[in-house]
Amino acid sequence: MRISKSIKRYKVKTPGGRTVIHFRKKKPSYSRCGKCGAKLNRPKLTVKELKKLPKTKKRPERPFPELCPKCMREYLKEKVR
């Protein structure tokens, strides 16, 4: 089994006296705005945990959920003008 070097490893001594390597899962990063890069107000969960949430908890129900509210307002103002 090949495991990527980017996964964090740490050595653990078992009760039997053997030293084995355990792997730590990476923590997810914050969702960011597609335009300015600001943090979005969304849960910081793994893909597996996000699948269990209802649709409305994963992202806001408004146009352009990938943008922060400030950038969304600016974009809509430009489109209207």
N, C-alpha and C. Protein backbone atom coordinates (compact mmCIF):
# COMPACT_ATOMS: atom_id res chain seq x y z
N MET A 1 0.84 -1.17 0.00
CA MET A 1 0.00 0.00 0.00
C MET A 1 0.89 1.24 0.00
N ARG A 2 0.71 2.12 -1.00
CA ARG A 2 1.48 3.35 -1.07
C ARG A 2 0.67 4.47 -0.44
N ILE A 3 1.32 5.19 0.43
CA ILE A 3 0.67 6.31 1.10
C ILE A 3 1.46 7.57 0.78
N SER A 4 0.73 8.61 0.48
CA SER A 4 1.35 9.88 0.11
C SER A 4 2.19 10.43 1.26
N LYS A 5 3.27 11.12 0.91
CA LYS A 5 4.14 11.72 1.92
C LYS A 5 3.52 12.95 2.56
N SER A 6 2.43 13.47 1.96
CA SER A 6 1.81 14.67 2.51
C SER A 6 0.95 14.36 3.74
N ILE A 7 0.64 13.09 3.98
CA ILE A 7 -0.15 12.71 5.15
C ILE A 7 0.76 12.71 6.37
N LYS A 8 0.28 13.32 7.47
CA LYS A 8 1.08 13.40 8.69
C LYS A 8 1.20 12.02 9.33
N ARG A 9 2.42 11.67 9.74
CA ARG A 9 2.68 10.38 10.36
C ARG A 9 3.20 10.59 11.76
N TYR A 10 2.92 9.67 12.64
CA TYR A 10 3.53 9.71 13.96
C TYR A 10 3.68 8.29 14.46
N LYS A 11 4.75 8.07 15.25
CA LYS A 11 5.06 6.74 15.74
C LYS A 11 4.34 6.51 17.06
N VAL A 12 3.79 5.28 17.21
CA VAL A 12 3.05 4.91 18.40
C VAL A 12 3.60 3.57 18.88
N LYS A 13 3.84 3.49 20.18
CA LYS A 13 4.29 2.23 20.75
C LYS A 13 3.06 1.45 21.21
N THR A 14 2.90 0.23 20.72
CA THR A 14 1.74 -0.59 21.04
C THR A 14 1.97 -1.32 22.37
N PRO A 15 0.90 -1.85 22.96
CA PRO A 15 1.08 -2.59 24.22
C PRO A 15 1.98 -3.80 24.08
N GLY A 16 2.08 -4.35 22.87
CA GLY A 16 2.94 -5.50 22.63
C GLY A 16 4.41 -5.14 22.52
N GLY A 17 4.73 -3.84 22.55
CA GLY A 17 6.12 -3.42 22.49
C GLY A 17 6.59 -3.02 21.10
N ARG A 18 5.76 -3.23 20.07
CA ARG A 18 6.14 -2.84 18.71
C ARG A 18 5.92 -1.35 18.52
N THR A 19 6.73 -0.76 17.66
CA THR A 19 6.52 0.63 17.28
C THR A 19 5.92 0.65 15.88
N VAL A 20 4.75 1.27 15.74
CA VAL A 20 4.07 1.31 14.45
C VAL A 20 3.82 2.76 14.06
N ILE A 21 3.55 2.97 12.77
CA ILE A 21 3.27 4.32 12.27
C ILE A 21 1.77 4.49 12.11
N HIS A 22 1.22 5.56 12.68
CA HIS A 22 -0.18 5.92 12.49
C HIS A 22 -0.22 7.16 11.60
N PHE A 23 -1.34 7.35 10.90
CA PHE A 23 -1.49 8.46 9.98
C PHE A 23 -2.60 9.37 10.47
N ARG A 24 -2.36 10.68 10.43
CA ARG A 24 -3.36 11.66 10.84
C ARG A 24 -4.08 12.19 9.62
N LYS A 25 -5.39 12.36 9.74
CA LYS A 25 -6.17 12.93 8.65
C LYS A 25 -5.94 14.44 8.62
N LYS A 26 -5.94 15.02 7.42
CA LYS A 26 -5.77 16.46 7.29
C LYS A 26 -7.06 17.15 7.70
N LYS A 27 -6.90 18.28 8.38
CA LYS A 27 -8.07 19.06 8.76
C LYS A 27 -8.47 19.93 7.58
N PRO A 28 -9.78 20.10 7.34
CA PRO A 28 -10.21 20.91 6.21
C PRO A 28 -9.94 22.39 6.46
N SER A 29 -9.75 23.14 5.38
CA SER A 29 -9.53 24.58 5.49
C SER A 29 -10.87 25.30 5.37
N TYR A 30 -10.87 26.59 5.68
CA TYR A 30 -12.09 27.39 5.57
C TYR A 30 -12.45 27.60 4.11
N SER A 31 -13.75 27.76 3.84
CA SER A 31 -14.20 28.13 2.51
C SER A 31 -13.84 29.60 2.30
N ARG A 32 -13.43 29.96 1.10
CA ARG A 32 -13.01 31.33 0.84
C ARG A 32 -13.80 31.91 -0.33
N CYS A 33 -13.90 33.25 -0.33
CA CYS A 33 -14.60 33.98 -1.39
C CYS A 33 -13.81 33.81 -2.69
N GLY A 34 -14.52 33.63 -3.79
CA GLY A 34 -13.88 33.44 -5.08
C GLY A 34 -13.25 34.71 -5.63
N LYS A 35 -13.67 35.87 -5.15
CA LYS A 35 -13.16 37.13 -5.68
C LYS A 35 -12.09 37.74 -4.77
N CYS A 36 -12.41 37.95 -3.49
CA CYS A 36 -11.47 38.66 -2.60
C CYS A 36 -10.70 37.72 -1.67
N GLY A 37 -11.14 36.47 -1.53
CA GLY A 37 -10.41 35.51 -0.70
C GLY A 37 -10.77 35.57 0.77
N ALA A 38 -11.83 36.29 1.14
CA ALA A 38 -12.26 36.38 2.54
C ALA A 38 -12.86 35.06 2.99
N LYS A 39 -12.80 34.78 4.30
CA LYS A 39 -13.40 33.56 4.84
C LYS A 39 -14.91 33.65 4.72
N LEU A 40 -15.54 32.55 4.32
CA LEU A 40 -16.99 32.50 4.23
C LEU A 40 -17.56 31.86 5.48
N ASN A 41 -18.76 32.25 5.85
CA ASN A 41 -19.41 31.74 7.05
C ASN A 41 -20.06 30.39 6.75
N ARG A 42 -19.23 29.36 6.68
CA ARG A 42 -19.70 28.00 6.41
C ARG A 42 -19.02 27.04 7.38
N PRO A 43 -19.60 25.86 7.56
CA PRO A 43 -18.97 24.91 8.47
C PRO A 43 -17.63 24.41 7.94
N LYS A 44 -16.67 24.23 8.84
CA LYS A 44 -15.33 23.74 8.49
C LYS A 44 -15.34 22.22 8.71
N LEU A 45 -15.84 21.49 7.72
CA LEU A 45 -16.01 20.05 7.84
C LEU A 45 -15.36 19.33 6.66
N THR A 46 -15.13 18.03 6.84
CA THR A 46 -14.61 17.22 5.74
C THR A 46 -15.75 16.91 4.78
N VAL A 47 -15.41 16.41 3.60
CA VAL A 47 -16.42 16.08 2.59
C VAL A 47 -17.40 15.04 3.13
N LYS A 48 -16.87 14.09 3.85
CA LYS A 48 -17.70 13.03 4.42
C LYS A 48 -18.74 13.60 5.38
N GLU A 49 -18.33 14.56 6.21
CA GLU A 49 -19.25 15.17 7.17
C GLU A 49 -20.24 16.11 6.47
N LEU A 50 -19.79 16.80 5.42
CA LEU A 50 -20.67 17.71 4.68
C LEU A 50 -21.81 16.97 3.99
N LYS A 51 -21.55 15.75 3.53
CA LYS A 51 -22.58 14.97 2.84
C LYS A 51 -23.76 14.65 3.75
N LYS A 52 -23.50 14.61 5.07
CA LYS A 52 -24.56 14.27 6.02
C LYS A 52 -25.43 15.48 6.37
N LEU A 53 -24.96 16.69 6.06
CA LEU A 53 -25.73 17.89 6.38
C LEU A 53 -26.82 18.15 5.34
N PRO A 54 -27.90 18.84 5.73
CA PRO A 54 -28.90 19.21 4.73
C PRO A 54 -28.35 20.28 3.79
N LYS A 55 -28.96 20.41 2.64
CA LYS A 55 -28.49 21.31 1.59
C LYS A 55 -28.35 22.76 2.07
N THR A 56 -29.28 23.22 2.88
CA THR A 56 -29.27 24.62 3.32
C THR A 56 -28.15 24.91 4.32
N LYS A 57 -27.61 23.90 4.97
CA LYS A 57 -26.52 24.10 5.92
C LYS A 57 -25.15 24.14 5.22
N LYS A 58 -25.08 23.59 4.00
CA LYS A 58 -23.81 23.52 3.28
C LYS A 58 -23.41 24.85 2.67
N ARG A 59 -24.41 25.63 2.23
CA ARG A 59 -24.14 26.90 1.56
C ARG A 59 -25.38 27.78 1.67
N PRO A 60 -25.22 29.11 1.51
CA PRO A 60 -26.38 29.98 1.64
C PRO A 60 -27.33 29.89 0.45
N GLU A 61 -28.61 30.14 0.69
CA GLU A 61 -29.60 30.12 -0.39
C GLU A 61 -29.76 31.53 -0.93
N ARG A 62 -28.83 31.95 -1.73
CA ARG A 62 -28.86 33.26 -2.37
C ARG A 62 -28.04 33.16 -3.64
N PRO A 63 -28.13 34.15 -4.54
CA PRO A 63 -27.32 34.07 -5.75
C PRO A 63 -25.83 34.15 -5.42
N PHE A 64 -25.02 33.48 -6.18
CA PHE A 64 -23.56 33.48 -6.05
C PHE A 64 -23.09 33.08 -4.65
N PRO A 65 -23.37 31.85 -4.23
CA PRO A 65 -22.95 31.43 -2.89
C PRO A 65 -21.44 31.31 -2.74
N GLU A 66 -20.70 31.31 -3.84
CA GLU A 66 -19.24 31.19 -3.76
C GLU A 66 -18.56 32.53 -3.47
N LEU A 67 -19.35 33.63 -3.44
CA LEU A 67 -18.82 34.96 -3.12
C LEU A 67 -19.26 35.37 -1.72
N CYS A 68 -18.46 36.24 -1.09
CA CYS A 68 -18.87 36.78 0.20
C CYS A 68 -19.99 37.80 -0.05
N PRO A 69 -20.78 38.15 0.96
CA PRO A 69 -21.91 39.07 0.74
C PRO A 69 -21.48 40.41 0.14
N LYS A 70 -20.34 40.93 0.55
CA LYS A 70 -19.86 42.22 0.05
C LYS A 70 -19.58 42.15 -1.46
N CYS A 71 -18.85 41.12 -1.88
CA CYS A 71 -18.52 40.96 -3.30
C CYS A 71 -19.77 40.68 -4.13
N MET A 72 -20.73 39.93 -3.55
CA MET A 72 -21.96 39.62 -4.26
C MET A 72 -22.75 40.90 -4.55
N ARG A 73 -22.83 41.78 -3.54
CA ARG A 73 -23.55 43.04 -3.73
C ARG A 73 -22.89 43.89 -4.81
N GLU A 74 -21.55 43.97 -4.78
CA GLU A 74 -20.81 44.74 -5.80
C GLU A 74 -21.08 44.18 -7.19
N TYR A 75 -21.05 42.86 -7.32
CA TYR A 75 -21.26 42.20 -8.61
C TYR A 75 -22.66 42.50 -9.15
N LEU A 76 -23.66 42.38 -8.27
CA LEU A 76 -25.04 42.64 -8.71
C LEU A 76 -25.24 44.10 -9.10
N LYS A 77 -24.61 45.03 -8.39
CA LYS A 77 -24.71 46.45 -8.73
C LYS A 77 -24.11 46.71 -10.11
N GLU A 78 -22.95 46.09 -10.39
CA GLU A 78 -22.32 46.25 -11.70
C GLU A 78 -23.19 45.71 -12.82
N LYS A 79 -23.84 44.56 -12.57
CA LYS A 79 -24.69 43.95 -13.60
C LYS A 79 -25.90 44.82 -13.89
N VAL A 80 -26.47 45.44 -12.87
CA VAL A 80 -27.67 46.26 -13.03
C VAL A 80 -27.34 47.56 -13.79
N ARG A 81 -26.18 48.13 -13.53
CA ARG A 81 -25.82 49.41 -14.15
C ARG A 81 -25.54 49.28 -15.62
